[in-house]
Amino acid sequence: MESRIFRKGGKESIVYFSDEVRDVLETYLDERQAIDALPGHEDAVFLSLQKKRMSVRTVENMVKKYAGLVTPLKKITPISFGVPTAPAFTGKPAISIW
């Protein structure tokens, strides 16, 4: 599955993810709609316990933390999710960013 996202600065990108990830995101977004964010944070997808927008760095740290708990022998970073999986959804070869 693919989805359009708008990055900081308004740049549009396409992201690819599995049906399992789609299902989890849809469940989260349904729950997120019931949370009243603080003024100025209403458009945030991810909110902290203080109902404020989570920073990119905070989300990255959470991904690293929970990925490490699931797969302690393999280092997984946020970029690890997109690069290897995109070819499976697009049929195009991966482009190395290193």
N, C-alpha and C. Protein backbone atom coordinates (compact mmCIF):
# COMPACT_ATOMS: atom_id res chain seq x y z
N MET A 1 0.85 -1.18 0.00
CA MET A 1 0.00 0.00 0.00
C MET A 1 0.89 1.23 0.00
N GLU A 2 0.41 2.29 -0.60
CA GLU A 2 1.15 3.54 -0.59
C GLU A 2 0.26 4.65 -0.07
N SER A 3 0.92 5.68 0.45
CA SER A 3 0.19 6.82 0.99
C SER A 3 1.00 8.09 0.75
N ARG A 4 0.30 9.17 0.50
CA ARG A 4 0.96 10.47 0.35
C ARG A 4 1.13 11.08 1.73
N ILE A 5 2.29 11.64 1.98
CA ILE A 5 2.53 12.38 3.21
C ILE A 5 3.10 13.74 2.84
N PHE A 6 2.95 14.67 3.74
CA PHE A 6 3.52 15.99 3.55
C PHE A 6 4.57 16.20 4.62
N ARG A 7 5.77 16.39 4.16
CA ARG A 7 6.90 16.57 5.07
C ARG A 7 6.99 18.02 5.52
N LYS A 8 7.88 18.23 6.48
CA LYS A 8 8.12 19.59 6.96
C LYS A 8 8.48 20.46 5.77
N GLY A 9 7.91 21.63 5.69
CA GLY A 9 8.15 22.51 4.57
C GLY A 9 7.16 22.30 3.44
N GLY A 10 6.25 21.33 3.60
CA GLY A 10 5.20 21.11 2.62
C GLY A 10 5.56 20.19 1.47
N LYS A 11 6.77 19.61 1.47
CA LYS A 11 7.17 18.71 0.40
C LYS A 11 6.36 17.42 0.48
N GLU A 12 5.79 17.01 -0.65
CA GLU A 12 4.98 15.81 -0.71
C GLU A 12 5.85 14.60 -1.06
N SER A 13 5.60 13.47 -0.39
CA SER A 13 6.32 12.23 -0.66
C SER A 13 5.33 11.07 -0.65
N ILE A 14 5.72 9.99 -1.29
CA ILE A 14 4.95 8.75 -1.25
C ILE A 14 5.69 7.77 -0.35
N VAL A 15 4.98 7.16 0.59
CA VAL A 15 5.57 6.13 1.45
C VAL A 15 4.82 4.82 1.19
N TYR A 16 5.55 3.72 1.32
CA TYR A 16 5.00 2.40 1.08
C TYR A 16 5.04 1.59 2.36
N PHE A 17 3.99 0.80 2.60
CA PHE A 17 3.97 -0.06 3.77
C PHE A 17 3.03 -1.23 3.53
N SER A 18 3.19 -2.24 4.37
CA SER A 18 2.42 -3.48 4.21
C SER A 18 0.98 -3.29 4.68
N ASP A 19 0.15 -4.29 4.35
CA ASP A 19 -1.24 -4.27 4.81
C ASP A 19 -1.32 -4.33 6.33
N GLU A 20 -0.39 -5.06 6.95
CA GLU A 20 -0.37 -5.16 8.41
C GLU A 20 -0.11 -3.78 9.03
N VAL A 21 0.84 -3.05 8.48
CA VAL A 21 1.14 -1.71 8.98
C VAL A 21 -0.06 -0.79 8.74
N ARG A 22 -0.68 -0.92 7.57
CA ARG A 22 -1.87 -0.12 7.27
C ARG A 22 -2.95 -0.33 8.33
N ASP A 23 -3.19 -1.61 8.68
CA ASP A 23 -4.22 -1.92 9.68
C ASP A 23 -3.90 -1.29 11.03
N VAL A 24 -2.64 -1.37 11.44
CA VAL A 24 -2.24 -0.78 12.72
C VAL A 24 -2.38 0.74 12.69
N LEU A 25 -1.96 1.35 11.58
CA LEU A 25 -2.09 2.81 11.46
C LEU A 25 -3.54 3.25 11.47
N GLU A 26 -4.41 2.52 10.78
CA GLU A 26 -5.83 2.87 10.77
C GLU A 26 -6.42 2.78 12.17
N THR A 27 -6.05 1.75 12.92
CA THR A 27 -6.53 1.60 14.30
C THR A 27 -6.04 2.77 15.15
N TYR A 28 -4.74 3.09 15.01
CA TYR A 28 -4.18 4.20 15.79
C TYR A 28 -4.87 5.51 15.43
N LEU A 29 -5.05 5.77 14.13
CA LEU A 29 -5.66 7.04 13.72
C LEU A 29 -7.10 7.16 14.20
N ASP A 30 -7.82 6.03 14.27
CA ASP A 30 -9.18 6.06 14.84
C ASP A 30 -9.13 6.47 16.31
N GLU A 31 -8.17 5.91 17.05
CA GLU A 31 -8.01 6.26 18.46
C GLU A 31 -7.52 7.70 18.62
N ARG A 32 -6.65 8.12 17.72
CA ARG A 32 -6.08 9.48 17.78
C ARG A 32 -7.16 10.54 17.64
N GLN A 33 -8.18 10.27 16.84
CA GLN A 33 -9.25 11.25 16.63
C GLN A 33 -9.99 11.56 17.93
N ALA A 34 -9.99 10.64 18.87
CA ALA A 34 -10.69 10.84 20.14
C ALA A 34 -9.86 11.65 21.14
N ILE A 35 -8.62 11.95 20.81
CA ILE A 35 -7.74 12.69 21.73
C ILE A 35 -7.78 14.17 21.38
N ASP A 36 -8.06 15.00 22.36
CA ASP A 36 -8.06 16.45 22.15
C ASP A 36 -6.65 16.98 22.41
N ALA A 37 -5.99 17.38 21.33
CA ALA A 37 -4.64 17.93 21.45
C ALA A 37 -4.69 19.35 21.98
N LEU A 38 -3.59 19.80 22.53
CA LEU A 38 -3.49 21.19 22.97
C LEU A 38 -3.54 22.12 21.77
N PRO A 39 -3.97 23.36 21.97
CA PRO A 39 -4.00 24.31 20.86
C PRO A 39 -2.62 24.41 20.18
N GLY A 40 -2.65 24.39 18.85
CA GLY A 40 -1.42 24.45 18.08
C GLY A 40 -0.86 23.08 17.73
N HIS A 41 -1.45 22.03 18.30
CA HIS A 41 -0.96 20.66 18.08
C HIS A 41 -2.06 19.77 17.47
N GLU A 42 -3.16 20.37 17.05
CA GLU A 42 -4.31 19.61 16.57
C GLU A 42 -4.01 18.75 15.34
N ASP A 43 -3.12 19.20 14.47
CA ASP A 43 -2.83 18.48 13.23
C ASP A 43 -1.76 17.41 13.39
N ALA A 44 -1.19 17.28 14.58
CA ALA A 44 -0.12 16.31 14.80
C ALA A 44 -0.67 14.88 14.74
N VAL A 45 0.06 14.00 14.10
CA VAL A 45 -0.33 12.59 14.06
C VAL A 45 0.02 11.91 15.38
N PHE A 46 1.25 12.15 15.85
CA PHE A 46 1.71 11.51 17.09
C PHE A 46 1.77 12.54 18.21
N LEU A 47 1.06 12.24 19.31
CA LEU A 47 1.03 13.14 20.45
C LEU A 47 1.73 12.51 21.65
N SER A 48 2.36 13.36 22.44
CA SER A 48 2.97 12.92 23.70
C SER A 48 1.87 12.77 24.75
N LEU A 49 2.25 12.31 25.92
CA LEU A 49 1.28 12.21 27.02
C LEU A 49 0.76 13.58 27.44
N GLN A 50 1.52 14.62 27.11
CA GLN A 50 1.10 15.99 27.41
C GLN A 50 0.18 16.55 26.32
N LYS A 51 -0.19 15.71 25.35
CA LYS A 51 -1.07 16.08 24.23
C LYS A 51 -0.45 17.13 23.32
N LYS A 52 0.88 17.08 23.20
CA LYS A 52 1.63 17.95 22.30
C LYS A 52 2.25 17.10 21.20
N ARG A 53 2.56 17.74 20.07
CA ARG A 53 3.20 17.06 18.94
C ARG A 53 4.53 16.44 19.37
N MET A 54 4.72 15.18 19.01
CA MET A 54 6.01 14.52 19.27
C MET A 54 6.99 14.95 18.19
N SER A 55 8.21 15.20 18.59
CA SER A 55 9.23 15.58 17.62
C SER A 55 9.64 14.38 16.78
N VAL A 56 10.22 14.65 15.64
CA VAL A 56 10.74 13.58 14.77
C VAL A 56 11.74 12.75 15.56
N ARG A 57 12.60 13.40 16.30
CA ARG A 57 13.63 12.70 17.08
C ARG A 57 13.00 11.76 18.10
N THR A 58 11.93 12.19 18.75
CA THR A 58 11.25 11.35 19.73
C THR A 58 10.67 10.10 19.07
N VAL A 59 10.04 10.28 17.91
CA VAL A 59 9.47 9.13 17.20
C VAL A 59 10.59 8.18 16.77
N GLU A 60 11.70 8.73 16.26
CA GLU A 60 12.84 7.90 15.86
C GLU A 60 13.37 7.10 17.06
N ASN A 61 13.49 7.75 18.20
CA ASN A 61 13.99 7.07 19.40
C ASN A 61 13.04 5.95 19.84
N MET A 62 11.75 6.18 19.71
CA MET A 62 10.78 5.14 20.07
C MET A 62 10.90 3.95 19.12
N VAL A 63 11.07 4.22 17.83
CA VAL A 63 11.24 3.13 16.86
C VAL A 63 12.47 2.30 17.22
N LYS A 64 13.58 2.98 17.50
CA LYS A 64 14.80 2.26 17.87
C LYS A 64 14.60 1.44 19.14
N LYS A 65 13.95 2.04 20.14
CA LYS A 65 13.74 1.35 21.41
C LYS A 65 12.92 0.08 21.23
N TYR A 66 11.77 0.19 20.60
CA TYR A 66 10.88 -0.97 20.49
C TYR A 66 11.37 -1.98 19.45
N ALA A 67 12.03 -1.53 18.41
CA ALA A 67 12.63 -2.47 17.46
C ALA A 67 13.72 -3.27 18.15
N GLY A 68 14.49 -2.64 19.03
CA GLY A 68 15.53 -3.33 19.78
C GLY A 68 14.97 -4.38 20.72
N LEU A 69 13.79 -4.15 21.25
CA LEU A 69 13.15 -5.14 22.13
C LEU A 69 12.66 -6.35 21.33
N VAL A 70 12.20 -6.09 20.12
CA VAL A 70 11.66 -7.16 19.28
C VAL A 70 12.77 -7.97 18.63
N THR A 71 13.81 -7.29 18.16
CA THR A 71 14.93 -7.96 17.47
C THR A 71 16.24 -7.50 18.09
N PRO A 72 16.59 -8.03 19.27
CA PRO A 72 17.78 -7.53 19.97
C PRO A 72 19.10 -7.81 19.25
N LEU A 73 19.14 -8.76 18.34
CA LEU A 73 20.40 -9.09 17.66
C LEU A 73 20.62 -8.29 16.38
N LYS A 74 19.62 -7.54 15.96
CA LYS A 74 19.73 -6.78 14.72
C LYS A 74 19.46 -5.31 15.00
N LYS A 75 20.33 -4.44 14.54
CA LYS A 75 20.13 -3.01 14.73
C LYS A 75 19.13 -2.51 13.69
N ILE A 76 18.01 -2.00 14.16
CA ILE A 76 16.98 -1.47 13.27
C ILE A 76 16.83 0.01 13.56
N THR A 77 16.83 0.80 12.51
CA THR A 77 16.63 2.23 12.63
C THR A 77 15.40 2.62 11.81
N PRO A 78 14.87 3.82 11.97
CA PRO A 78 13.70 4.22 11.18
C PRO A 78 13.92 4.08 9.67
N ILE A 79 15.10 4.39 9.18
CA ILE A 79 15.36 4.29 7.74
C ILE A 79 15.37 2.83 7.29
N SER A 80 15.65 1.92 8.21
CA SER A 80 15.67 0.49 7.88
C SER A 80 14.33 -0.01 7.36
N PHE A 81 13.26 0.64 7.78
CA PHE A 81 11.94 0.19 7.38
C PHE A 81 11.63 0.51 5.92
N GLY A 82 12.03 1.67 5.46
CA GLY A 82 11.64 2.10 4.12
C GLY A 82 12.48 1.57 2.99
N VAL A 83 13.78 1.58 3.13
CA VAL A 83 14.66 1.22 2.02
C VAL A 83 14.46 -0.21 1.54
N PRO A 84 14.48 -1.22 2.43
CA PRO A 84 14.34 -2.58 1.93
C PRO A 84 12.92 -2.94 1.49
N THR A 85 11.90 -2.28 2.02
CA THR A 85 10.54 -2.68 1.70
C THR A 85 9.98 -2.00 0.47
N ALA A 86 10.47 -0.84 0.10
CA ALA A 86 9.92 -0.13 -1.05
C ALA A 86 9.92 -0.96 -2.33
N PRO A 87 11.01 -1.69 -2.67
CA PRO A 87 11.00 -2.46 -3.92
C PRO A 87 9.88 -3.50 -3.96
N ALA A 88 9.51 -4.05 -2.83
CA ALA A 88 8.44 -5.05 -2.79
C ALA A 88 7.10 -4.45 -3.21
N PHE A 89 6.92 -3.16 -2.95
CA PHE A 89 5.65 -2.51 -3.26
C PHE A 89 5.67 -1.81 -4.61
N THR A 90 6.83 -1.37 -5.05
CA THR A 90 6.91 -0.59 -6.29
C THR A 90 7.37 -1.41 -7.47
N GLY A 91 8.05 -2.53 -7.22
CA GLY A 91 8.63 -3.31 -8.31
C GLY A 91 9.88 -2.68 -8.87
N LYS A 92 10.36 -1.61 -8.25
CA LYS A 92 11.59 -0.92 -8.68
C LYS A 92 12.71 -1.26 -7.73
N PRO A 93 13.96 -1.27 -8.21
CA PRO A 93 15.08 -1.58 -7.32
C PRO A 93 15.27 -0.48 -6.27
N ALA A 94 15.81 -0.88 -5.14
CA ALA A 94 16.10 0.08 -4.07
C ALA A 94 17.24 0.98 -4.49
N ILE A 95 17.19 2.20 -4.04
CA ILE A 95 18.27 3.16 -4.27
C ILE A 95 19.03 3.31 -2.98
N SER A 96 20.31 3.06 -3.00
CA SER A 96 21.11 3.18 -1.80
C SER A 96 21.30 4.64 -1.44
N ILE A 97 21.11 4.97 -0.17
CA ILE A 97 21.30 6.35 0.27
C ILE A 97 22.58 6.52 1.06
N TRP A 98 23.38 5.49 1.18
CA TRP A 98 24.60 5.56 1.98
C TRP A 98 25.71 6.15 1.17
